[in-house]
Amino acid sequence: MYSSWSFRSINPDIKRDYFGLINNSYHIDNRIQKMVTFKTVNLVKDSWGGDKRPVTLDRY
């Protein structure tokens, strides 16, 4: 889901503790996935949580 480039400015401990490397891409650890609701939304058109805005959207 994420390439090494996505972690270019991230502390290596964060990457190690919260992500796993599968087939040359990093995936969010299952423990974290269970704490989060993931949705595909259109940030322009969809209502997705009021005034909450994502801090970082970094895909590849």
N, C-alpha and C. Protein backbone atom coordinates (compact mmCIF):
# COMPACT_ATOMS: atom_id res chain seq x y z
N MET A 1 0.81 -1.18 0.00
CA MET A 1 0.00 0.00 0.00
C MET A 1 0.86 1.26 0.00
N TYR A 2 2.00 1.24 0.68
CA TYR A 2 2.89 2.40 0.72
C TYR A 2 4.29 1.98 0.29
N SER A 3 4.94 2.83 -0.46
CA SER A 3 6.31 2.56 -0.89
C SER A 3 7.29 3.12 0.13
N SER A 4 8.55 2.80 -0.02
CA SER A 4 9.58 3.35 0.86
C SER A 4 9.58 4.87 0.81
N TRP A 5 9.26 5.43 -0.34
CA TRP A 5 9.23 6.89 -0.51
C TRP A 5 8.25 7.54 0.48
N SER A 6 7.15 6.87 0.78
CA SER A 6 6.17 7.41 1.72
C SER A 6 6.74 7.59 3.12
N PHE A 7 7.81 6.87 3.43
CA PHE A 7 8.41 6.92 4.76
C PHE A 7 9.71 7.72 4.79
N ARG A 8 9.95 8.52 3.79
CA ARG A 8 11.23 9.22 3.66
C ARG A 8 11.52 10.15 4.84
N SER A 9 10.50 10.69 5.49
CA SER A 9 10.75 11.59 6.62
C SER A 9 10.18 11.06 7.93
N ILE A 10 9.89 9.77 7.97
CA ILE A 10 9.30 9.15 9.16
C ILE A 10 10.39 8.45 9.97
N ASN A 11 10.28 8.58 11.27
CA ASN A 11 11.19 7.89 12.18
C ASN A 11 11.12 6.38 11.88
N PRO A 12 12.26 5.72 11.69
CA PRO A 12 12.27 4.28 11.39
C PRO A 12 11.55 3.43 12.44
N ASP A 13 11.53 3.90 13.69
CA ASP A 13 10.83 3.15 14.74
C ASP A 13 9.32 3.10 14.46
N ILE A 14 8.76 4.16 13.94
CA ILE A 14 7.34 4.20 13.59
C ILE A 14 7.05 3.18 12.50
N LYS A 15 7.89 3.18 11.48
CA LYS A 15 7.71 2.23 10.38
C LYS A 15 7.80 0.79 10.90
N ARG A 16 8.78 0.53 11.74
CA ARG A 16 8.98 -0.82 12.28
C ARG A 16 7.81 -1.26 13.17
N ASP A 17 7.32 -0.34 14.01
CA ASP A 17 6.30 -0.69 15.00
C ASP A 17 4.89 -0.78 14.44
N TYR A 18 4.59 -0.03 13.38
CA TYR A 18 3.21 0.09 12.93
C TYR A 18 2.94 -0.36 11.50
N PHE A 19 3.98 -0.80 10.79
CA PHE A 19 3.82 -1.22 9.40
C PHE A 19 4.60 -2.51 9.17
N GLY A 20 4.16 -3.27 8.19
CA GLY A 20 4.86 -4.49 7.80
C GLY A 20 5.15 -4.47 6.31
N LEU A 21 6.28 -5.03 5.93
CA LEU A 21 6.69 -5.07 4.52
C LEU A 21 6.18 -6.37 3.88
N ILE A 22 5.36 -6.21 2.85
CA ILE A 22 4.81 -7.35 2.12
C ILE A 22 4.96 -7.06 0.63
N ASN A 23 5.69 -7.92 -0.08
CA ASN A 23 5.88 -7.76 -1.54
C ASN A 23 6.35 -6.35 -1.91
N ASN A 24 7.37 -5.87 -1.24
CA ASN A 24 7.99 -4.57 -1.53
C ASN A 24 7.10 -3.36 -1.29
N SER A 25 6.03 -3.51 -0.53
CA SER A 25 5.24 -2.35 -0.12
C SER A 25 4.85 -2.52 1.34
N TYR A 26 4.68 -1.39 2.01
CA TYR A 26 4.38 -1.39 3.43
C TYR A 26 2.87 -1.35 3.64
N HIS A 27 2.41 -2.13 4.61
CA HIS A 27 1.00 -2.20 4.95
C HIS A 27 0.84 -1.89 6.43
N ILE A 28 -0.26 -1.27 6.78
CA ILE A 28 -0.53 -0.94 8.18
C ILE A 28 -0.72 -2.23 8.97
N ASP A 29 -0.08 -2.29 10.12
CA ASP A 29 -0.16 -3.46 10.99
C ASP A 29 -1.62 -3.77 11.34
N ASN A 30 -1.96 -5.05 11.44
CA ASN A 30 -3.33 -5.46 11.75
C ASN A 30 -3.85 -4.88 13.05
N ARG A 31 -2.97 -4.71 14.04
CA ARG A 31 -3.41 -4.11 15.32
C ARG A 31 -3.95 -2.71 15.10
N ILE A 32 -3.31 -1.95 14.22
CA ILE A 32 -3.74 -0.59 13.93
C ILE A 32 -5.00 -0.60 13.09
N GLN A 33 -5.06 -1.49 12.11
CA GLN A 33 -6.24 -1.57 11.25
C GLN A 33 -7.51 -1.80 12.07
N LYS A 34 -7.41 -2.57 13.13
CA LYS A 34 -8.58 -2.86 13.96
C LYS A 34 -9.06 -1.64 14.75
N MET A 35 -8.21 -0.63 14.91
CA MET A 35 -8.58 0.57 15.66
C MET A 35 -9.12 1.69 14.76
N VAL A 36 -9.07 1.49 13.45
CA VAL A 36 -9.38 2.55 12.50
C VAL A 36 -10.45 2.08 11.53
N THR A 37 -11.31 3.02 11.12
CA THR A 37 -12.27 2.74 10.07
C THR A 37 -11.72 3.33 8.78
N PHE A 38 -11.49 2.48 7.79
CA PHE A 38 -10.96 2.92 6.51
C PHE A 38 -12.10 3.01 5.51
N LYS A 39 -12.17 4.12 4.76
CA LYS A 39 -13.20 4.31 3.75
C LYS A 39 -12.58 4.92 2.51
N THR A 40 -13.19 4.62 1.38
CA THR A 40 -12.84 5.31 0.15
C THR A 40 -13.86 6.42 -0.03
N VAL A 41 -13.40 7.66 -0.09
CA VAL A 41 -14.30 8.80 -0.24
C VAL A 41 -13.77 9.77 -1.27
N ASN A 42 -14.65 10.57 -1.80
CA ASN A 42 -14.28 11.69 -2.64
C ASN A 42 -14.22 12.90 -1.72
N LEU A 43 -13.04 13.44 -1.48
CA LEU A 43 -12.86 14.52 -0.51
C LEU A 43 -13.57 15.80 -0.92
N VAL A 44 -13.90 15.93 -2.20
CA VAL A 44 -14.59 17.12 -2.68
C VAL A 44 -16.10 16.94 -2.58
N LYS A 45 -16.61 15.79 -2.95
CA LYS A 45 -18.06 15.58 -3.06
C LYS A 45 -18.69 14.92 -1.84
N ASP A 46 -18.03 13.99 -1.23
CA ASP A 46 -18.65 13.20 -0.16
C ASP A 46 -18.64 13.93 1.17
N SER A 47 -19.65 13.65 1.98
CA SER A 47 -19.66 14.09 3.37
C SER A 47 -18.95 12.99 4.15
N TRP A 48 -17.84 13.31 4.78
CA TRP A 48 -17.03 12.27 5.40
C TRP A 48 -16.57 12.60 6.80
N GLY A 49 -17.24 13.53 7.47
CA GLY A 49 -16.87 13.77 8.86
C GLY A 49 -16.82 15.23 9.26
N GLY A 50 -17.62 16.06 8.63
CA GLY A 50 -17.67 17.45 9.04
C GLY A 50 -16.42 18.22 8.71
N ASP A 51 -15.90 18.92 9.72
CA ASP A 51 -14.74 19.79 9.51
C ASP A 51 -13.42 19.07 9.67
N LYS A 52 -13.45 17.80 9.96
CA LYS A 52 -12.20 17.05 10.11
C LYS A 52 -11.51 16.95 8.77
N ARG A 53 -10.26 17.26 8.73
CA ARG A 53 -9.48 17.18 7.50
C ARG A 53 -8.28 16.28 7.72
N PRO A 54 -7.94 15.45 6.75
CA PRO A 54 -6.74 14.61 6.91
C PRO A 54 -5.48 15.46 6.93
N VAL A 55 -4.54 15.06 7.75
CA VAL A 55 -3.27 15.77 7.84
C VAL A 55 -2.38 15.42 6.67
N THR A 56 -2.31 14.16 6.33
CA THR A 56 -1.44 13.71 5.25
C THR A 56 -2.13 12.65 4.42
N LEU A 57 -2.12 12.83 3.14
CA LEU A 57 -2.57 11.79 2.21
C LEU A 57 -1.40 11.51 1.30
N ASP A 58 -0.72 10.42 1.54
CA ASP A 58 0.49 10.11 0.78
C ASP A 58 0.39 8.69 0.27
N ARG A 59 0.12 8.55 -0.99
CA ARG A 59 0.00 7.22 -1.60
C ARG A 59 1.04 7.13 -2.69
N TYR A 60 2.08 6.35 -2.48
CA TYR A 60 3.21 6.16 -3.40
C TYR A 60 3.84 7.47 -3.63
